Protein backbone atom coordinates (compact mmCIF):
# COMPACT_ATOMS: atom_id res chain seq x y z
CA MET A 1 20.19 -86.49 -77.22
CA GLU A 2 21.22 -82.86 -76.98
CA GLU A 3 21.99 -80.99 -80.16
CA ALA A 4 25.53 -79.75 -80.53
CA THR A 5 25.96 -76.01 -80.17
CA PRO A 6 27.14 -74.61 -83.52
CA SER A 7 30.61 -73.13 -83.43
CA ILE A 8 31.25 -69.53 -84.43
CA PRO A 9 34.24 -69.05 -86.73
CA ALA A 10 37.09 -67.00 -85.32
CA LEU A 11 37.55 -63.55 -86.75
CA THR A 12 40.48 -62.79 -88.96
CA PRO A 13 42.57 -59.67 -88.26
CA ASP A 14 40.40 -57.64 -90.62
CA GLY A 15 37.30 -58.53 -88.59
CA TYR A 16 35.72 -61.04 -90.94
CA GLY A 17 35.17 -64.73 -90.18
CA THR A 18 36.40 -67.17 -92.79
CA GLY A 19 33.74 -69.78 -92.05
CA GLY A 20 36.45 -72.39 -92.50
CA ALA A 21 37.01 -71.44 -96.14
CA GLU A 22 40.09 -69.83 -97.63
CA VAL A 23 39.57 -66.18 -98.59
CA GLU A 24 41.87 -63.90 -100.52
CA GLY A 25 40.94 -60.66 -98.75
CA PRO A 26 38.29 -58.76 -96.83
CA MET A 27 34.76 -58.54 -98.09
CA LYS A 28 33.74 -55.54 -100.12
CA PRO A 29 32.18 -53.03 -97.67
CA GLN A 30 28.46 -52.42 -97.77
CA ARG A 31 27.24 -49.02 -98.96
CA PHE A 32 26.56 -47.67 -95.48
CA GLU A 33 30.02 -48.82 -94.43
CA VAL A 34 31.59 -46.83 -97.25
CA LYS A 35 29.80 -43.72 -95.99
CA SER A 36 30.93 -44.43 -92.44
CA GLN A 37 34.51 -44.90 -93.63
CA ARG A 38 34.42 -41.49 -95.32
CA ILE A 39 33.26 -39.87 -92.08
CA ARG A 40 36.03 -41.64 -90.17
CA ALA A 41 38.65 -40.49 -92.68
CA GLU A 42 37.46 -36.88 -92.47
CA PHE A 43 37.39 -37.06 -88.67
CA LEU A 44 40.99 -38.29 -88.57
CA ARG A 45 42.09 -35.66 -91.06
CA ARG A 46 40.57 -32.82 -89.06
CA LYS A 47 41.86 -34.23 -85.80
CA ALA A 48 45.40 -34.26 -87.21
CA GLU A 49 45.05 -30.71 -88.57
CA SER A 50 43.27 -29.16 -85.57
CA PRO A 51 43.54 -31.32 -82.42
CA GLN A 52 42.16 -28.44 -80.36
CA ARG A 53 38.76 -29.14 -81.90
CA LEU A 54 38.50 -32.19 -79.65
CA GLU A 55 39.55 -30.56 -76.40
CA ARG A 56 35.98 -30.03 -75.25
CA ARG A 57 33.90 -33.20 -74.87
CA LEU A 58 30.31 -33.65 -75.93
CA GLU A 59 27.78 -32.60 -73.28
CA LEU A 60 25.31 -35.17 -72.01
CA SER A 61 21.81 -34.18 -70.95
CA TRP A 62 18.66 -36.33 -70.48
CA SER A 63 15.04 -35.90 -71.55
CA ASN A 64 13.04 -36.41 -68.34
CA TRP A 65 9.47 -36.77 -69.61
CA GLY A 66 10.12 -40.46 -70.25
CA PHE A 67 10.55 -40.97 -66.50
CA GLY A 68 6.77 -40.74 -66.07
CA ILE A 69 5.18 -39.27 -62.94
CA GLU A 70 8.38 -39.40 -60.92
CA GLU A 71 9.29 -36.38 -58.79
CA LEU A 72 11.79 -34.11 -60.51
CA ALA A 73 14.24 -34.30 -57.59
CA ASP A 74 14.38 -38.09 -57.93
CA SER A 75 15.07 -37.82 -61.65
CA LEU A 76 17.81 -35.25 -61.17
CA ARG A 77 19.43 -37.29 -58.42
CA ARG A 78 19.62 -40.25 -60.82
CA LEU A 79 21.34 -38.11 -63.44
CA GLY A 80 23.76 -36.59 -60.97
CA LYS A 81 24.93 -40.02 -59.80
CA VAL A 82 26.38 -40.73 -63.25
CA GLY A 83 27.73 -37.24 -63.85
CA ILE A 84 25.03 -35.94 -66.21
CA GLY A 85 24.89 -32.24 -65.49
CA PHE A 86 21.95 -31.18 -67.69
CA VAL A 87 18.30 -32.10 -68.10
CA GLU A 88 15.83 -31.48 -70.92
CA LEU A 89 12.69 -30.58 -69.03
CA HIS A 90 9.25 -31.90 -69.93
CA GLY A 91 7.25 -29.05 -71.44
CA ASN A 92 4.44 -29.62 -68.95
CA ARG A 93 2.87 -26.17 -68.75
CA TYR A 94 -0.27 -27.39 -70.48
CA GLY A 95 -2.29 -24.62 -68.87
CA PRO A 96 -1.76 -21.61 -66.61
CA ASP A 97 -2.21 -23.79 -63.51
CA LEU A 98 -0.13 -26.76 -64.65
CA GLY A 99 3.56 -27.61 -64.92
CA TYR A 100 6.84 -26.65 -63.29
CA ARG A 101 6.82 -23.51 -61.14
CA ALA A 102 9.90 -21.38 -61.64
CA GLU A 103 11.00 -20.68 -58.06
CA GLU A 104 10.44 -24.21 -56.78
CA THR A 105 12.03 -25.82 -59.83
CA ARG A 106 15.09 -23.57 -59.68
CA ARG A 107 15.54 -24.65 -56.09
CA VAL A 108 15.30 -28.36 -57.00
CA LEU A 109 17.74 -27.97 -59.91
CA ALA A 110 20.26 -26.12 -57.75
CA GLY A 111 19.88 -28.64 -54.93
CA GLU A 112 20.81 -31.54 -57.20
CA GLY A 113 23.49 -29.67 -59.15
CA VAL A 114 21.78 -30.16 -62.52
CA ARG A 115 21.09 -27.37 -65.02
CA ALA A 116 18.27 -27.05 -67.54
CA ALA A 117 19.43 -27.59 -71.11
CA GLY A 118 16.09 -26.77 -72.71
CA VAL A 119 12.44 -27.74 -72.82
CA CYS A 120 10.90 -30.61 -74.80
CA GLY A 121 7.64 -29.47 -76.37
CA ILE A 122 4.89 -32.10 -76.36
CA PHE A 123 2.70 -31.97 -79.45
CA SER A 124 -0.30 -34.30 -79.30
CA PRO A 125 -3.63 -34.13 -81.19
CA ASP A 126 -4.72 -31.63 -78.52
CA CYS A 127 -1.75 -29.39 -79.38
CA ASP A 128 -1.22 -29.83 -83.12
CA PRO A 129 0.34 -26.97 -85.14
CA SER A 130 -1.00 -28.47 -88.38
CA SER A 131 -4.58 -28.91 -87.17
CA ASN A 132 -7.45 -27.66 -89.33
CA ARG A 133 -9.19 -26.40 -86.19
CA GLY A 134 -8.41 -22.84 -85.21
CA LEU A 135 -9.02 -23.48 -81.52
CA VAL A 136 -6.36 -26.20 -81.50
CA ARG A 137 -3.83 -23.99 -83.30
CA GLN A 138 -4.47 -21.16 -80.83
CA ARG A 139 -3.87 -23.69 -78.06
CA VAL A 140 -0.45 -24.43 -79.63
CA ILE A 141 0.50 -20.74 -79.60
CA ASP A 142 -0.57 -20.37 -75.97
CA TYR A 143 1.31 -23.56 -75.07
CA MET A 144 4.45 -22.25 -76.77
CA ARG A 145 4.25 -18.99 -74.84
CA ARG A 146 4.00 -20.72 -71.45
CA ASN A 147 6.79 -23.21 -72.11
CA VAL A 148 9.16 -20.76 -73.75
CA ASP A 149 8.71 -18.64 -70.62
CA MET A 150 9.57 -21.71 -68.57
CA ALA A 151 12.76 -22.33 -70.57
CA ALA A 152 13.86 -18.74 -70.02
CA GLU A 153 12.95 -18.73 -66.33
CA LEU A 154 14.89 -21.93 -65.64
CA GLY A 155 18.00 -21.16 -67.69
CA GLY A 156 17.34 -23.40 -70.70
CA SER A 157 18.52 -22.41 -74.15
CA TYR A 158 16.12 -24.11 -76.59
CA PHE A 159 12.50 -25.21 -77.08
CA LEU A 160 11.80 -28.33 -79.12
CA LEU A 161 9.05 -28.12 -81.76
CA ILE A 162 7.19 -30.77 -83.77
CA PRO A 163 4.93 -29.44 -86.56
CA GLY A 164 2.32 -32.20 -86.33
CA ALA A 165 0.66 -34.37 -83.72
CA VAL A 166 2.70 -37.32 -82.46
CA GLY A 167 0.58 -40.46 -82.71
CA ARG A 168 -1.42 -39.24 -85.74
CA THR A 169 0.12 -40.76 -88.86
CA GLN A 170 -2.62 -40.04 -91.40
CA LYS A 171 -2.61 -36.53 -92.85
CA ILE A 172 -5.64 -34.34 -92.27
CA ASP A 173 -5.51 -32.85 -95.76
CA ASP A 174 -3.02 -31.36 -98.21
CA CYS A 175 -2.58 -28.11 -96.26
CA GLU A 176 -0.94 -29.44 -93.09
CA PHE A 177 2.47 -27.98 -93.93
CA GLU A 178 1.08 -24.51 -94.61
CA ARG A 179 -0.91 -24.44 -91.37
CA ALA A 180 2.07 -25.65 -89.36
CA VAL A 181 4.17 -22.86 -90.85
CA LEU A 182 1.61 -20.20 -89.92
CA THR A 183 1.09 -21.56 -86.41
CA LEU A 184 4.77 -21.86 -85.54
CA ARG A 185 5.58 -18.49 -87.08
CA ALA A 186 2.91 -16.93 -84.87
CA GLY A 187 4.59 -18.39 -81.79
CA ALA A 188 8.15 -17.72 -82.91
CA GLU A 189 8.16 -14.12 -81.66
CA PHE A 190 8.00 -15.40 -78.07
CA LEU A 191 11.24 -17.28 -78.71
CA VAL A 192 13.00 -14.12 -79.85
CA GLU A 193 11.64 -12.07 -76.96
CA ARG A 194 12.86 -14.61 -74.40
CA GLY A 195 16.18 -15.45 -76.07
CA ILE A 196 15.27 -19.12 -76.61
CA ARG A 197 16.18 -21.04 -79.76
CA GLY A 198 13.38 -22.90 -81.52
CA ALA A 199 14.47 -26.35 -82.79
CA VAL A 200 12.36 -28.46 -85.18
CA GLU A 201 12.49 -32.23 -84.66
CA PRO A 202 11.89 -34.56 -87.62
CA VAL A 203 9.94 -37.65 -86.52
CA ARG A 204 9.52 -40.96 -88.34
CA ALA A 205 6.43 -41.58 -90.47
CA ALA A 206 5.26 -44.28 -88.05
CA GLU A 207 4.50 -41.50 -85.53
CA VAL A 208 3.65 -38.30 -87.42
CA SER A 209 2.15 -37.26 -90.75
CA LEU A 210 4.72 -34.62 -91.77
CA CYS A 211 8.36 -33.59 -91.31
CA HIS A 212 10.23 -36.89 -91.22
CA THR A 213 13.79 -36.02 -92.29
CA VAL A 214 16.46 -33.38 -91.81
CA ASP A 215 15.62 -32.10 -95.31
CA ASP A 216 11.97 -31.76 -94.26
CA ALA A 217 12.96 -29.83 -91.13
CA LEU A 218 15.20 -27.48 -93.11
CA ALA A 219 12.36 -26.87 -95.61
CA LEU A 220 9.96 -26.09 -92.74
CA ILE A 221 12.46 -23.71 -91.15
CA ALA A 222 12.92 -21.93 -94.48
CA ALA A 223 9.15 -21.60 -94.93
CA ILE A 224 8.63 -20.27 -91.38
CA ASP A 225 11.32 -17.70 -92.18
CA HIS A 226 11.67 -16.34 -88.65
CA PRO A 227 14.79 -15.84 -86.51
CA GLY A 228 13.09 -17.55 -83.58
CA ILE A 229 13.02 -20.93 -85.33
CA GLN A 230 16.34 -21.65 -87.02
CA HIS A 231 17.57 -24.91 -85.51
CA VAL A 232 17.14 -28.69 -85.71
CA ASN A 233 16.61 -31.22 -82.94
CA GLY A 234 17.76 -34.63 -84.19
CA ASP A 235 16.70 -38.03 -82.90
CA THR A 236 18.71 -41.14 -83.77
CA TYR A 237 15.70 -43.48 -83.64
CA HIS A 238 13.78 -41.43 -86.20
CA MET A 239 16.90 -40.86 -88.28
CA LEU A 240 17.62 -44.60 -88.46
CA ALA A 241 14.13 -45.09 -89.88
CA GLU A 242 14.04 -42.15 -92.29
CA GLU A 243 17.58 -41.18 -93.32
CA PRO A 244 19.90 -43.02 -95.74
CA HIS A 245 22.78 -42.73 -93.27
CA LEU A 246 22.83 -41.49 -89.69
CA GLY A 247 26.21 -39.75 -89.85
CA GLU A 248 25.45 -38.04 -93.15
CA ALA A 249 22.16 -36.75 -91.72
CA VAL A 250 24.06 -35.15 -88.85
CA LEU A 251 26.48 -33.53 -91.30
CA LYS A 252 23.55 -32.24 -93.38
CA ALA A 253 21.99 -30.59 -90.32
CA GLY A 254 25.39 -29.10 -89.49
CA GLU A 255 25.51 -26.20 -87.06
CA ARG A 256 21.72 -25.88 -87.12
CA MET A 257 21.57 -29.00 -84.93
CA ILE A 258 21.71 -27.95 -81.28
CA ASN A 259 20.23 -31.00 -79.58
CA LEU A 260 20.27 -34.70 -80.42
CA HIS A 261 17.96 -37.24 -78.82
CA ILE A 262 19.76 -40.54 -78.71
CA SER A 263 18.86 -44.16 -78.06
CA ASP A 264 20.07 -47.43 -79.50
CA SER A 265 18.62 -48.96 -82.68
CA ASN A 266 15.80 -50.56 -80.67
CA ARG A 267 15.07 -47.30 -78.82
CA CYS A 268 16.51 -48.78 -75.65
CA ALA A 269 19.62 -47.97 -73.60
CA LEU A 270 22.83 -47.35 -75.52
CA GLY A 271 24.76 -50.57 -75.98
CA ASP A 272 21.61 -52.71 -76.11
CA GLY A 273 21.21 -52.50 -79.88
CA SER A 274 23.22 -52.15 -83.10
CA LEU A 275 23.62 -48.36 -83.37
CA ASP A 276 26.93 -47.31 -84.95
CA LEU A 277 27.68 -44.95 -82.10
CA ASP A 278 31.31 -44.38 -83.09
CA THR A 279 30.41 -42.94 -86.50
CA LEU A 280 27.71 -40.81 -84.91
CA ILE A 281 30.20 -39.36 -82.42
CA MET A 282 32.68 -38.62 -85.21
CA ALA A 283 29.97 -36.81 -87.19
CA LEU A 284 29.04 -34.74 -84.13
CA TYR A 285 32.63 -33.63 -83.65
CA LEU A 286 32.83 -32.77 -87.35
CA ILE A 287 29.93 -30.30 -87.01
CA GLY A 288 31.43 -28.81 -83.84
CA PHE A 289 28.73 -30.25 -81.60
CA ASN A 290 31.12 -30.10 -78.66
CA ARG A 291 30.58 -26.34 -78.48
CA GLU A 292 28.65 -24.69 -75.67
CA GLY A 293 24.88 -24.89 -75.96
CA CYS A 294 24.72 -28.24 -77.79
CA PHE A 295 23.53 -31.40 -76.05
CA VAL A 296 23.46 -35.14 -76.61
CA THR A 297 20.20 -36.03 -74.87
CA PRO A 298 19.31 -39.69 -74.32
CA GLU A 299 15.63 -40.49 -74.76
CA PRO A 300 15.36 -44.31 -74.70
CA LEU A 301 11.60 -44.78 -74.77
CA GLY A 302 11.32 -48.30 -76.17
CA PRO A 303 9.70 -49.19 -79.53
CA GLY A 304 6.14 -48.29 -80.40
CA GLY A 305 4.00 -45.99 -82.51
CA ASP A 306 3.15 -43.42 -79.84
CA PRO A 307 5.70 -42.82 -77.05
CA TYR A 308 3.67 -40.23 -75.15
CA PRO A 309 2.01 -42.70 -72.72
CA ALA A 310 5.45 -42.91 -71.05
CA MET A 311 4.68 -39.48 -69.57
CA TYR A 312 2.01 -40.96 -67.35
CA GLY A 313 3.71 -44.20 -66.39
CA LYS A 314 4.55 -45.22 -62.84
CA PRO A 315 8.35 -45.30 -62.76
CA ASP A 316 10.35 -48.42 -62.01
CA GLN A 317 13.21 -46.60 -60.35
CA ALA A 318 15.63 -49.53 -60.34
CA ALA A 319 15.09 -50.09 -64.08
CA LEU A 320 15.49 -46.38 -64.80
CA ASP A 321 18.66 -46.21 -62.71
CA LEU A 322 20.15 -49.07 -64.71
CA MET A 323 19.09 -47.59 -68.06
CA VAL A 324 20.69 -44.24 -67.26
CA GLN A 325 23.85 -45.80 -65.88
CA LYS A 326 24.28 -48.10 -68.90
CA THR A 327 23.64 -45.33 -71.38
CA ALA A 328 25.97 -42.76 -69.82
CA THR A 329 28.76 -45.29 -69.27
CA TYR A 330 28.59 -46.70 -72.78
CA PHE A 331 28.44 -43.29 -74.45
CA ARG A 332 31.52 -42.09 -72.59
CA GLU A 333 33.39 -45.31 -73.30
CA ARG A 334 32.77 -44.97 -77.02
CA GLU A 335 33.57 -41.26 -77.02
CA GLU A 336 36.95 -42.03 -75.44
CA GLU A 337 37.61 -44.71 -78.06
CA VAL A 338 36.83 -42.21 -80.83
CA ARG A 339 38.93 -39.45 -79.30
CA SER A 340 41.90 -41.80 -78.92
CA LEU A 341 42.01 -42.81 -82.60
């Protein structure tokens, strides 16, 4: 005998199911909901006062290193099909004979009608700003120079920095922060010379040993104390793990945030998890993230402790096509809903 499928109570107008019982009013909101409601109220207030603030939409880019060993032209073609006009390029100049070549890459970008937003620095144990080995830290500085050059040559505006090795969660010693400061400060002059903005990305404790929150990133920036490194690169997956509230973290970063990696709560395509995308979009508009030079950059890498193996994966082009299409479509749908409030 088959078991009966349990029925789901209908929702009342306020969005809560009664479960068949009489209720006098809506449930008391949870703490994170109260914070989200405050962001919504401020968004509506500013929209009413200054509707011109919403005239420009948020700019979508895409971080391409998660596409694995795929040819750049194929990746750009995928983005162009869904109207994504920017790409965050893999910082793949690991040595003087490796990585994107300027003339060829400019030609590919122009051919597909996609522009470079910036360059995603890759910081592994081989390229660790906080390392206690001088040779490794010198390697970081050399790596920064090559990839900042690449950003400038290809028209990007930022270079993403992580102060410790992704995939190493145990600290080396108590001086990691100080060494990261000295290493990144030594490379920051290249950023100024080439007109590229250095952006520090906080990463969850399940992947790195230091700099996990927006507060941590701001403290690192203050300690580096250099005009070349003054910005923040957010990431919703890390923020969901480390911050009390996603929208409030965006507001705390404020105008220092120039790029935001985005994926759903399960680090998959937008719409496939439980991310409160509407509140996130409202917070981005509140900090003026719809200005030129700021990018919402999907990076749905899937869950796991070390995402870097995705760089070397053989791409499933049909799956990647679907992931990009779903993410871009859902983001724009929710942005329109927010803008029409």
